Amino acid sequence: MGAKISEDELNSVLTATLPKQEKKDPKRRWVERMIKSAKLYHKICPYYDKKTTNCFIKQLYMYKRSKCDRDGRFEGCPVFVEFLEKTYDKLKSEGTPLPMDFRDLPMVF
């Protein structure tokens, strides 16, 4: 004999068991898409110099210490993410369309 569950109880159980999806802003989604795309084409950061272990992004923004702290890994690199966020802001302010692939990023400039 089946027990009847009210609709409110069912909704409360479903919301408790289903994973909550975070609503991400478009900037964050674009940055994550660019990182995924960069991982497809590059094993190490494309802005990393193996010979001198310098970060070209740090040199571009004239940090005092331009050595890469992460040995070329860019997956969680705050400098790489900040660079992508600044690029997103610049492209949005200019009104140019956002590139869908990491390889298209240099063509925008």
PDB file of N, CA and C in Angstrom:
ATOM      1  N   MET A   1       0.840  -1.156   0.000  1.00  0.00           N
ATOM      2  CA  MET A   1       0.000   0.000   0.000  1.00  0.00           C
ATOM      3  C   MET A   1       0.895   1.232   0.000  1.00  0.00           C
ATOM      4  N   GLY A   2       0.744   2.013  -1.048  1.00  0.00           N
ATOM      5  CA  GLY A   2       1.593   3.181  -1.234  1.00  0.00           C
ATOM      6  C   GLY A   2       1.180   4.338  -0.354  1.00  0.00           C
ATOM      7  N   ALA A   3       2.161   5.017   0.145  1.00  0.00           N
ATOM      8  CA  ALA A   3       1.907   6.209   0.944  1.00  0.00           C
ATOM      9  C   ALA A   3       1.863   7.410   0.016  1.00  0.00           C
ATOM     10  N   LYS A   4       0.941   8.294   0.273  1.00  0.00           N
ATOM     11  CA  LYS A   4       0.813   9.474  -0.574  1.00  0.00           C
ATOM     12  C   LYS A   4       1.665  10.605   0.001  1.00  0.00           C
ATOM     13  N   ILE A   5       2.363  11.275  -0.897  1.00  0.00           N
ATOM     14  CA  ILE A   5       3.219  12.392  -0.508  1.00  0.00           C
ATOM     15  C   ILE A   5       2.636  13.653  -1.122  1.00  0.00           C
ATOM     16  N   SER A   6       2.575  14.666  -0.317  1.00  0.00           N
ATOM     17  CA  SER A   6       2.051  15.928  -0.847  1.00  0.00           C
ATOM     18  C   SER A   6       3.081  16.555  -1.799  1.00  0.00           C
ATOM     19  N   GLU A   7       2.618  17.471  -2.606  1.00  0.00           N
ATOM     20  CA  GLU A   7       3.492  18.107  -3.590  1.00  0.00           C
ATOM     21  C   GLU A   7       4.586  18.936  -2.919  1.00  0.00           C
ATOM     22  N   ASP A   8       4.266  19.571  -1.801  1.00  0.00           N
ATOM     23  CA  ASP A   8       5.262  20.360  -1.077  1.00  0.00           C
ATOM     24  C   ASP A   8       6.379  19.476  -0.530  1.00  0.00           C
ATOM     25  N   GLU A   9       6.005  18.324   0.022  1.00  0.00           N
ATOM     26  CA  GLU A   9       7.013  17.404   0.546  1.00  0.00           C
ATOM     27  C   GLU A   9       7.902  16.883  -0.576  1.00  0.00           C
ATOM     28  N   LEU A  10       7.288  16.579  -1.710  1.00  0.00           N
ATOM     29  CA  LEU A  10       8.043  16.088  -2.853  1.00  0.00           C
ATOM     30  C   LEU A  10       9.040  17.142  -3.344  1.00  0.00           C
ATOM     31  N   ASN A  11       8.609  18.378  -3.441  1.00  0.00           N
ATOM     32  CA  ASN A  11       9.500  19.461  -3.872  1.00  0.00           C
ATOM     33  C   ASN A  11      10.646  19.677  -2.892  1.00  0.00           C
ATOM     34  N   SER A  12      10.355  19.585  -1.596  1.00  0.00           N
ATOM     35  CA  SER A  12      11.412  19.781  -0.603  1.00  0.00           C
ATOM     36  C   SER A  12      12.438  18.655  -0.668  1.00  0.00           C
ATOM     37  N   VAL A  13      11.984  17.426  -0.893  1.00  0.00           N
ATOM     38  CA  VAL A  13      12.905  16.294  -1.007  1.00  0.00           C
ATOM     39  C   VAL A  13      13.745  16.424  -2.276  1.00  0.00           C
ATOM     40  N   LEU A  14      13.110  16.809  -3.368  1.00  0.00           N
ATOM     41  CA  LEU A  14      13.842  16.944  -4.627  1.00  0.00           C
ATOM     42  C   LEU A  14      14.877  18.056  -4.568  1.00  0.00           C
ATOM     43  N   THR A  15      14.547  19.169  -3.964  1.00  0.00           N
ATOM     44  CA  THR A  15      15.515  20.264  -3.873  1.00  0.00           C
ATOM     45  C   THR A  15      16.669  19.908  -2.948  1.00  0.00           C
ATOM     46  N   ALA A  16      16.413  19.068  -1.966  1.00  0.00           N
ATOM     47  CA  ALA A  16      17.472  18.665  -1.052  1.00  0.00           C
ATOM     48  C   ALA A  16      18.411  17.657  -1.712  1.00  0.00           C
ATOM     49  N   THR A  17      17.879  16.791  -2.586  1.00  0.00           N
ATOM     50  CA  THR A  17      18.706  15.741  -3.173  1.00  0.00           C
ATOM     51  C   THR A  17      19.374  16.148  -4.478  1.00  0.00           C
ATOM     52  N   LEU A  18      18.744  17.002  -5.263  1.00  0.00           N
ATOM     53  CA  LEU A  18      19.338  17.417  -6.526  1.00  0.00           C
ATOM     54  C   LEU A  18      20.454  18.421  -6.270  1.00  0.00           C
ATOM     55  N   PRO A  19      21.550  18.296  -7.014  1.00  0.00           N
ATOM     56  CA  PRO A  19      22.637  19.264  -6.813  1.00  0.00           C
ATOM     57  C   PRO A  19      22.212  20.652  -7.275  1.00  0.00           C
ATOM     58  N   LYS A  20      22.588  21.602  -6.480  1.00  0.00           N
ATOM     59  CA  LYS A  20      22.227  22.978  -6.814  1.00  0.00           C
ATOM     60  C   LYS A  20      23.198  23.496  -7.869  1.00  0.00           C
ATOM     61  N   GLN A  21      22.648  24.029  -8.928  1.00  0.00           N
ATOM     62  CA  GLN A  21      23.474  24.585  -9.984  1.00  0.00           C
ATOM     63  C   GLN A  21      23.689  26.064  -9.714  1.00  0.00           C
ATOM     64  N   GLU A  22      24.950  26.419  -9.723  1.00  0.00           N
ATOM     65  CA  GLU A  22      25.278  27.817  -9.486  1.00  0.00           C
ATOM     66  C   GLU A  22      25.011  28.603 -10.760  1.00  0.00           C
ATOM     67  N   LYS A  23      24.465  29.767 -10.585  1.00  0.00           N
ATOM     68  CA  LYS A  23      24.282  30.635 -11.737  1.00  0.00           C
ATOM     69  C   LYS A  23      25.561  31.445 -11.895  1.00  0.00           C
ATOM     70  N   LYS A  24      26.250  31.192 -12.987  1.00  0.00           N
ATOM     71  CA  LYS A  24      27.513  31.875 -13.221  1.00  0.00           C
ATOM     72  C   LYS A  24      27.279  33.051 -14.153  1.00  0.00           C
ATOM     73  N   ASP A  25      28.007  34.081 -13.888  1.00  0.00           N
ATOM     74  CA  ASP A  25      27.876  35.242 -14.755  1.00  0.00           C
ATOM     75  C   ASP A  25      28.566  34.947 -16.087  1.00  0.00           C
ATOM     76  N   PRO A  26      28.222  35.668 -17.141  1.00  0.00           N
ATOM     77  CA  PRO A  26      28.791  35.394 -18.465  1.00  0.00           C
ATOM     78  C   PRO A  26      30.317  35.535 -18.509  1.00  0.00           C
ATOM     79  N   LYS A  27      30.846  36.440 -17.708  1.00  0.00           N
ATOM     80  CA  LYS A  27      32.296  36.636 -17.682  1.00  0.00           C
ATOM     81  C   LYS A  27      32.995  35.376 -17.187  1.00  0.00           C
ATOM     82  N   ARG A  28      32.483  34.816 -16.095  1.00  0.00           N
ATOM     83  CA  ARG A  28      33.090  33.614 -15.520  1.00  0.00           C
ATOM     84  C   ARG A  28      32.981  32.430 -16.489  1.00  0.00           C
ATOM     85  N   ARG A  29      31.826  32.302 -17.148  1.00  0.00           N
ATOM     86  CA  ARG A  29      31.652  31.208 -18.108  1.00  0.00           C
ATOM     87  C   ARG A  29      32.621  31.351 -19.273  1.00  0.00           C
ATOM     88  N   TRP A  30      32.821  32.584 -19.767  1.00  0.00           N
ATOM     89  CA  TRP A  30      33.728  32.802 -20.889  1.00  0.00           C
ATOM     90  C   TRP A  30      35.163  32.478 -20.487  1.00  0.00           C
ATOM     91  N   VAL A  31      35.566  32.897 -19.285  1.00  0.00           N
ATOM     92  CA  VAL A  31      36.924  32.620 -18.807  1.00  0.00           C
ATOM     93  C   VAL A  31      37.133  31.113 -18.696  1.00  0.00           C
ATOM     94  N   GLU A  32      36.164  30.394 -18.148  1.00  0.00           N
ATOM     95  CA  GLU A  32      36.294  28.942 -18.033  1.00  0.00           C
ATOM     96  C   GLU A  32      36.354  28.281 -19.407  1.00  0.00           C
ATOM     97  N   ARG A  33      35.582  28.787 -20.364  1.00  0.00           N
ATOM     98  CA  ARG A  33      35.609  28.244 -21.718  1.00  0.00           C
ATOM     99  C   ARG A  33      36.978  28.464 -22.354  1.00  0.00           C
ATOM    100  N   MET A  34      37.582  29.630 -22.128  1.00  0.00           N
ATOM    101  CA  MET A  34      38.903  29.910 -22.687  1.00  0.00           C
ATOM    102  C   MET A  34      39.975  29.016 -22.055  1.00  0.00           C
ATOM    103  N   ILE A  35      39.846  28.748 -20.760  1.00  0.00           N
ATOM    104  CA  ILE A  35      40.816  27.871 -20.097  1.00  0.00           C
ATOM    105  C   ILE A  35      40.688  26.449 -20.633  1.00  0.00           C
ATOM    106  N   LYS A  36      39.457  25.962 -20.801  1.00  0.00           N
ATOM    107  CA  LYS A  36      39.256  24.623 -21.371  1.00  0.00           C
ATOM    108  C   LYS A  36      39.815  24.547 -22.780  1.00  0.00           C
ATOM    109  N   SER A  37      39.577  25.582 -23.558  1.00  0.00           N
ATOM    110  CA  SER A  37      40.070  25.619 -24.928  1.00  0.00           C
ATOM    111  C   SER A  37      41.598  25.666 -24.950  1.00  0.00           C
ATOM    112  N   ALA A  38      42.196  26.420 -24.056  1.00  0.00           N
ATOM    113  CA  ALA A  38      43.656  26.510 -23.996  1.00  0.00           C
ATOM    114  C   ALA A  38      44.260  25.164 -23.611  1.00  0.00           C
ATOM    115  N   LYS A  39      43.573  24.419 -22.749  1.00  0.00           N
ATOM    116  CA  LYS A  39      44.068  23.096 -22.359  1.00  0.00           C
ATOM    117  C   LYS A  39      44.092  22.132 -23.536  1.00  0.00           C
ATOM    118  N   LEU A  40      43.185  22.329 -24.498  1.00  0.00           N
ATOM    119  CA  LEU A  40      43.165  21.462 -25.680  1.00  0.00           C
ATOM    120  C   LEU A  40      44.409  21.656 -26.545  1.00  0.00           C
ATOM    121  N   TYR A  41      44.905  22.869 -26.617  1.00  0.00           N
ATOM    122  CA  TYR A  41      45.987  23.187 -27.537  1.00  0.00           C
ATOM    123  C   TYR A  41      47.354  23.306 -26.873  1.00  0.00           C
ATOM    124  N   HIS A  42      47.407  23.514 -25.577  1.00  0.00           N
ATOM    125  CA  HIS A  42      48.678  23.761 -24.898  1.00  0.00           C
ATOM    126  C   HIS A  42      48.796  22.884 -23.658  1.00  0.00           C
ATOM    127  N   LYS A  43      49.968  22.274 -23.490  1.00  0.00           N
ATOM    128  CA  LYS A  43      50.218  21.493 -22.277  1.00  0.00           C
ATOM    129  C   LYS A  43      50.645  22.402 -21.134  1.00  0.00           C
ATOM    130  N   ILE A  44      51.424  23.421 -21.473  1.00  0.00           N
ATOM    131  CA  ILE A  44      51.802  24.420 -20.475  1.00  0.00           C
ATOM    132  C   ILE A  44      51.282  25.771 -20.951  1.00  0.00           C
ATOM    133  N   CYS A  45      51.372  26.741 -20.107  1.00  0.00           N
ATOM    134  CA  CYS A  45      50.832  28.067 -20.405  1.00  0.00           C
ATOM    135  C   CYS A  45      51.468  28.634 -21.675  1.00  0.00           C
ATOM    136  N   PRO A  46      50.656  29.150 -22.587  1.00  0.00           N
ATOM    137  CA  PRO A  46      51.218  29.728 -23.806  1.00  0.00           C
ATOM    138  C   PRO A  46      52.006  31.016 -23.556  1.00  0.00           C
ATOM    139  N   TYR A  47      51.874  31.579 -22.384  1.00  0.00           N
ATOM    140  CA  TYR A  47      52.591  32.803 -22.034  1.00  0.00           C
ATOM    141  C   TYR A  47      53.766  32.518 -21.096  1.00  0.00           C
ATOM    142  N   TYR A  48      54.260  31.288 -21.110  1.00  0.00           N
ATOM    143  CA  TYR A  48      55.360  30.866 -20.245  1.00  0.00           C
ATOM    144  C   TYR A  48      56.598  30.634 -21.097  1.00  0.00           C
ATOM    145  N   ASP A  49      57.721  31.194 -20.686  1.00  0.00           N
ATOM    146  CA  ASP A  49      58.991  30.994 -21.374  1.00  0.00           C
ATOM    147  C   ASP A  49      59.772  29.915 -20.632  1.00  0.00           C
ATOM    148  N   LYS A  50      59.976  28.774 -21.285  1.00  0.00           N
ATOM    149  CA  LYS A  50      60.654  27.650 -20.630  1.00  0.00           C
ATOM    150  C   LYS A  50      62.112  27.962 -20.315  1.00  0.00           C
ATOM    151  N   LYS A  51      62.744  28.691 -21.196  1.00  0.00           N
ATOM    152  CA  LYS A  51      64.177  28.939 -21.039  1.00  0.00           C
ATOM    153  C   LYS A  51      64.480  29.810 -19.824  1.00  0.00           C
ATOM    154  N   THR A  52      63.732  30.882 -19.663  1.00  0.00           N
ATOM    155  CA  THR A  52      63.994  31.802 -18.550  1.00  0.00           C
ATOM    156  C   THR A  52      63.003  31.637 -17.408  1.00  0.00           C
ATOM    157  N   THR A  53      62.008  30.793 -17.577  1.00  0.00           N
ATOM    158  CA  THR A  53      60.902  30.557 -16.625  1.00  0.00           C
ATOM    159  C   THR A  53      60.156  31.848 -16.280  1.00  0.00           C
ATOM    160  N   ASN A  54      60.063  32.732 -17.250  1.00  0.00           N
ATOM    161  CA  ASN A  54      59.336  33.987 -17.057  1.00  0.00           C
ATOM    162  C   ASN A  54      57.915  33.860 -17.564  1.00  0.00           C
ATOM    163  N   CYS A  55      57.057  34.691 -17.017  1.00  0.00           N
ATOM    164  CA  CYS A  55      55.665  34.771 -17.444  1.00  0.00           C
ATOM    165  C   CYS A  55      55.518  36.036 -18.283  1.00  0.00           C
ATOM    166  N   PHE A  56      55.089  35.864 -19.538  1.00  0.00           N
ATOM    167  CA  PHE A  56      54.955  37.023 -20.417  1.00  0.00           C
ATOM    168  C   PHE A  56      53.822  37.943 -19.979  1.00  0.00           C
ATOM    169  N   ILE A  57      52.825  37.404 -19.316  1.00  0.00           N
ATOM    170  CA  ILE A  57      51.726  38.247 -18.827  1.00  0.00           C
ATOM    171  C   ILE A  57      52.239  39.170 -17.729  1.00  0.00           C
ATOM    172  N   LYS A  58      53.067  38.622 -16.838  1.00  0.00           N
ATOM    173  CA  LYS A  58      53.635  39.460 -15.780  1.00  0.00           C
ATOM    174  C   LYS A  58      54.544  40.531 -16.368  1.00  0.00           C
ATOM    175  N   GLN A  59      55.282  40.182 -17.410  1.00  0.00           N
ATOM    176  CA  GLN A  59      56.139  41.171 -18.062  1.00  0.00           C
ATOM    177  C   GLN A  59      55.305  42.244 -18.747  1.00  0.00           C
ATOM    178  N   LEU A  60      54.173  41.844 -19.316  1.00  0.00           N
ATOM    179  CA  LEU A  60      53.300  42.788 -19.999  1.00  0.00           C
ATOM    180  C   LEU A  60      52.766  43.840 -19.030  1.00  0.00           C
ATOM    181  N   TYR A  61      52.394  43.411 -17.823  1.00  0.00           N
ATOM    182  CA  TYR A  61      51.853  44.339 -16.835  1.00  0.00           C
ATOM    183  C   TYR A  61      52.924  44.886 -15.906  1.00  0.00           C
ATOM    184  N   MET A  62      54.187  44.635 -16.216  1.00  0.00           N
ATOM    185  CA  MET A  62      55.345  45.188 -15.521  1.00  0.00           C
ATOM    186  C   MET A  62      55.360  44.892 -14.024  1.00  0.00           C
ATOM    187  N   TYR A  63      55.140  43.625 -13.695  1.00  0.00           N
ATOM    188  CA  TYR A  63      55.338  43.215 -12.316  1.00  0.00           C
ATOM    189  C   TYR A  63      56.832  43.242 -12.024  1.00  0.00           C
ATOM    190  N   LYS A  64      57.193  43.440 -10.763  1.00  0.00           N
ATOM    191  CA  LYS A  64      58.607  43.481 -10.412  1.00  0.00           C
ATOM    192  C   LYS A  64      59.256  42.114 -10.619  1.00  0.00           C
ATOM    193  N   ARG A  65      58.538  41.086 -10.269  1.00  0.00           N
ATOM    194  CA  ARG A  65      59.076  39.731 -10.389  1.00  0.00           C
ATOM    195  C   ARG A  65      58.281  39.012 -11.470  1.00  0.00           C
ATOM    196  N   SER A  66      58.897  38.736 -12.593  1.00  0.00           N
ATOM    197  CA  SER A  66      58.161  38.143 -13.704  1.00  0.00           C
ATOM    198  C   SER A  66      58.345  36.633 -13.798  1.00  0.00           C
ATOM    199  N   LYS A  67      58.969  36.032 -12.812  1.00  0.00           N
ATOM    200  CA  LYS A  67      59.128  34.577 -12.813  1.00  0.00           C
ATOM    201  C   LYS A  67      57.781  33.917 -12.569  1.00  0.00           C
ATOM    202  N   CYS A  68      57.572  32.805 -13.260  1.00  0.00           N
ATOM    203  CA  CYS A  68      56.322  32.059 -13.098  1.00  0.00           C
ATOM    204  C   CYS A  68      56.403  31.219 -11.829  1.00  0.00           C
ATOM    205  N   ASP A  69      55.420  31.364 -10.963  1.00  0.00           N
ATOM    206  CA  ASP A  69      55.391  30.633  -9.700  1.00  0.00           C
ATOM    207  C   ASP A  69      54.868  29.214  -9.869  1.00  0.00           C
ATOM    208  N   ARG A  70      54.240  28.939 -10.999  1.00  0.00           N
ATOM    209  CA  ARG A  70      53.541  27.668 -11.186  1.00  0.00           C
ATOM    210  C   ARG A  70      54.210  26.754 -12.207  1.00  0.00           C
ATOM    211  N   ASP A  71      55.411  27.057 -12.619  1.00  0.00           N
ATOM    212  CA  ASP A  71      56.169  26.243 -13.580  1.00  0.00           C
ATOM    213  C   ASP A  71      55.413  26.008 -14.876  1.00  0.00           C
ATOM    214  N   GLY A  72      54.683  26.997 -15.318  1.00  0.00           N
ATOM    215  CA  GLY A  72      54.003  26.921 -16.599  1.00  0.00           C
ATOM    216  C   GLY A  72      52.617  26.316 -16.576  1.00  0.00           C
ATOM    217  N   ARG A  73      52.150  25.860 -15.427  1.00  0.00           N
ATOM    218  CA  ARG A  73      50.782  25.319 -15.362  1.00  0.00           C
ATOM    219  C   ARG A  73      49.812  26.483 -15.260  1.00  0.00           C
ATOM    220  N   PHE A  74      48.808  26.481 -16.096  1.00  0.00           N
ATOM    221  CA  PHE A  74      47.904  27.626 -16.152  1.00  0.00           C
ATOM    222  C   PHE A  74      46.498  27.302 -15.708  1.00  0.00           C
ATOM    223  N   GLU A  75      46.234  26.085 -15.294  1.00  0.00           N
ATOM    224  CA  GLU A  75      44.866  25.676 -14.982  1.00  0.00           C
ATOM    225  C   GLU A  75      44.258  26.490 -13.845  1.00  0.00           C
ATOM    226  N   GLY A  76      44.977  26.771 -12.817  1.00  0.00           N
ATOM    227  CA  GLY A  76      44.434  27.560 -11.714  1.00  0.00           C
ATOM    228  C   GLY A  76      45.235  28.813 -11.458  1.00  0.00           C
ATOM    229  N   CYS A  77      45.960  29.249 -12.460  1.00  0.00           N
ATOM    230  CA  CYS A  77      46.872  30.382 -12.306  1.00  0.00           C
ATOM    231  C   CYS A  77      46.089  31.688 -12.176  1.00  0.00           C
ATOM    232  N   PRO A  78      46.268  32.416 -11.081  1.00  0.00           N
ATOM    233  CA  PRO A  78      45.533  33.676 -10.911  1.00  0.00           C
ATOM    234  C   PRO A  78      45.951  34.745 -11.920  1.00  0.00           C
ATOM    235  N   VAL A  79      47.196  34.711 -12.381  1.00  0.00           N
ATOM    236  CA  VAL A  79      47.664  35.698 -13.358  1.00  0.00           C
ATOM    237  C   VAL A  79      46.973  35.460 -14.700  1.00  0.00           C
ATOM    238  N   PHE A  80      46.862  34.200 -15.111  1.00  0.00           N
ATOM    239  CA  PHE A  80      46.213  33.852 -16.376  1.00  0.00           C
ATOM    240  C   PHE A  80      44.724  34.179 -16.330  1.00  0.00           C
ATOM    241  N   VAL A  81      44.079  33.863 -15.211  1.00  0.00           N
ATOM    242  CA  VAL A  81      42.649  34.155 -15.061  1.00  0.00           C
ATOM    243  C   VAL A  81      42.414  35.661 -15.063  1.00  0.00           C
ATOM    244  N   GLU A  82      43.256  36.401 -14.368  1.00  0.00           N
ATOM    245  CA  GLU A  82      43.122  37.864 -14.341  1.00  0.00           C
ATOM    246  C   GLU A  82      43.313  38.452 -15.739  1.00  0.00           C
ATOM    247  N   PHE A  83      44.266  37.897 -16.495  1.00  0.00           N
ATOM    248  CA  PHE A  83      44.491  38.352 -17.870  1.00  0.00           C
ATOM    249  C   PHE A  83      43.251  38.109 -18.729  1.00  0.00           C
ATOM    250  N   LEU A  84      42.635  36.932 -18.593  1.00  0.00           N
ATOM    251  CA  LEU A  84      41.429  36.632 -19.366  1.00  0.00           C
ATOM    252  C   LEU A  84      40.268  37.533 -18.954  1.00  0.00           C
ATOM    253  N   GLU A  85      40.145  37.814 -17.655  1.00  0.00           N
ATOM    254  CA  GLU A  85      39.076  38.701 -17.187  1.00  0.00           C
ATOM    255  C   GLU A  85      39.267  40.120 -17.725  1.00  0.00           C
ATOM    256  N   LYS A  86      40.509  40.606 -17.729  1.00  0.00           N
ATOM    257  CA  LYS A  86      40.776  41.939 -18.280  1.00  0.00           C
ATOM    258  C   LYS A  86      40.496  41.968 -19.778  1.00  0.00           C
ATOM    259  N   THR A  87      40.832  40.884 -20.461  1.00  0.00           N
ATOM    260  CA  THR A  87      40.557  40.792 -21.897  1.00  0.00           C
ATOM    261  C   THR A  87      39.062  40.813 -22.151  1.00  0.00           C
ATOM    262  N   TYR A  88      38.303  40.093 -21.322  1.00  0.00           N
ATOM    263  CA  TYR A  88      36.843  40.081 -21.455  1.00  0.00           C
ATOM    264  C   TYR A  88      36.284  41.494 -21.276  1.00  0.00           C
ATOM    265  N   ASP A  89      36.737  42.177 -20.231  1.00  0.00           N
ATOM    266  CA  ASP A  89      36.254  43.540 -19.974  1.00  0.00           C
ATOM    267  C   ASP A  89      36.594  44.481 -21.133  1.00  0.00           C
ATOM    268  N   LYS A  90      37.800  44.341 -21.666  1.00  0.00           N
ATOM    269  CA  LYS A  90      38.218  45.199 -22.775  1.00  0.00           C
ATOM    270  C   LYS A  90      37.362  44.939 -24.013  1.00  0.00           C
ATOM    271  N   LEU A  91      37.128  43.674 -24.326  1.00  0.00           N
ATOM    272  CA  LEU A  91      36.340  43.340 -25.513  1.00  0.00           C
ATOM    273  C   LEU A  91      34.894  43.784 -25.364  1.00  0.00           C
ATOM    274  N   LYS A  92      34.340  43.628 -24.164  1.00  0.00           N
ATOM    275  CA  LYS A  92      32.954  44.046 -23.936  1.00  0.00           C
ATOM    276  C   LYS A  92      32.817  45.567 -24.010  1.00  0.00           C
ATOM    277  N   SER A  93      33.810  46.292 -23.498  1.00  0.00           N
ATOM    278  CA  SER A  93      33.727  47.752 -23.539  1.00  0.00           C
ATOM    279  C   SER A  93      33.856  48.277 -24.972  1.00  0.00           C
ATOM    280  N   GLU A  94      34.635  47.574 -25.800  1.00  0.00           N
ATOM    281  CA  GLU A  94      34.782  47.983 -27.196  1.00  0.00           C
ATOM    282  C   GLU A  94      33.594  47.551 -28.040  1.00  0.00           C
ATOM    283  N   GLY A  95      32.841  46.577 -27.555  1.00  0.00           N
ATOM    284  CA  GLY A  95      31.685  46.093 -28.296  1.00  0.00           C
ATOM    285  C   GLY A  95      32.026  45.062 -29.357  1.00  0.00           C
ATOM    286  N   THR A  96      33.232  44.528 -29.321  1.00  0.00           N
ATOM    287  CA  THR A  96      33.613  43.501 -30.289  1.00  0.00           C
ATOM    288  C   THR A  96      33.083  42.151 -29.834  1.00  0.00           C
ATOM    289  N   PRO A  97      32.807  41.248 -30.765  1.00  0.00           N
ATOM    290  CA  PRO A  97      32.310  39.929 -30.370  1.00  0.00           C
ATOM    291  C   PRO A  97      33.394  39.127 -29.656  1.00  0.00           C
ATOM    292  N   LEU A  98      32.966  38.336 -28.699  1.00  0.00           N
ATOM    293  CA  LEU A  98      33.907  37.532 -27.931  1.00  0.00           C
ATOM    294  C   LEU A  98      34.338  36.316 -28.738  1.00  0.00           C
ATOM    295  N   PRO A  99      35.624  35.974 -28.699  1.00  0.00           N
ATOM    296  CA  PRO A  99      36.063  34.770 -29.389  1.00  0.00           C
ATOM    297  C   PRO A  99      35.529  33.524 -28.682  1.00  0.00           C
ATOM    298  N   MET A 100      35.248  32.504 -29.468  1.00  0.00           N
ATOM    299  CA  MET A 100      34.707  31.265 -28.915  1.00  0.00           C
ATOM    300  C   MET A 100      35.795  30.246 -28.625  1.00  0.00           C
ATOM    301  N   ASP A 101      37.003  30.498 -29.109  1.00  0.00           N
ATOM    302  CA  ASP A 101      38.102  29.564 -28.958  1.00  0.00           C
ATOM    303  C   ASP A 101      39.343  30.336 -28.520  1.00  0.00           C
ATOM    304  N   PHE A 102      40.233  29.684 -27.793  1.00  0.00           N
ATOM    305  CA  PHE A 102      41.429  30.359 -27.304  1.00  0.00           C
ATOM    306  C   PHE A 102      42.333  30.793 -28.452  1.00  0.00           C
ATOM    307  N   ARG A 103      42.359  30.020 -29.534  1.00  0.00           N
ATOM    308  CA  ARG A 103      43.203  30.376 -30.674  1.00  0.00           C
ATOM    309  C   ARG A 103      42.719  31.644 -31.367  1.00  0.00           C
ATOM    310  N   ASP A 104      41.457  31.997 -31.191  1.00  0.00           N
ATOM    311  CA  ASP A 104      40.922  33.211 -31.806  1.00  0.00           C
ATOM    312  C   ASP A 104      41.242  34.466 -31.001  1.00  0.00           C
ATOM    313  N   LEU A 105      41.707  34.307 -29.794  1.00  0.00           N
ATOM    314  CA  LEU A 105      41.968  35.448 -28.915  1.00  0.00           C
ATOM    315  C   LEU A 105      43.021  36.410 -29.473  1.00  0.00           C
ATOM    316  N   PRO A 106      44.155  35.948 -30.003  1.00  0.00           N
ATOM    317  CA  PRO A 106      45.133  36.904 -30.553  1.00  0.00           C
ATOM    318  C   PRO A 106      44.628  37.647 -31.787  1.00  0.00           C
ATOM    319  N   MET A 107      43.673  37.086 -32.508  1.00  0.00           N
ATOM    320  CA  MET A 107      43.163  37.736 -33.710  1.00  0.00           C
ATOM    321  C   MET A 107      42.310  38.955 -33.386  1.00  0.00           C
ATOM    322  N   VAL A 108      41.804  39.027 -32.178  1.00  0.00           N
ATOM    323  CA  VAL A 108      40.944  40.140 -31.778  1.00  0.00           C
ATOM    324  C   VAL A 108      41.764  41.409 -31.614  1.00  0.00           C
ATOM    325  N   PHE A 109      42.994  41.265 -31.169  1.00  0.00           N
ATOM    326  CA  PHE A 109      43.838  42.433 -30.939  1.00  0.00           C
ATOM    327  C   PHE A 109      44.451  42.817 -32.246  1.00  0.00           C
TER     328      PHE A 109
END
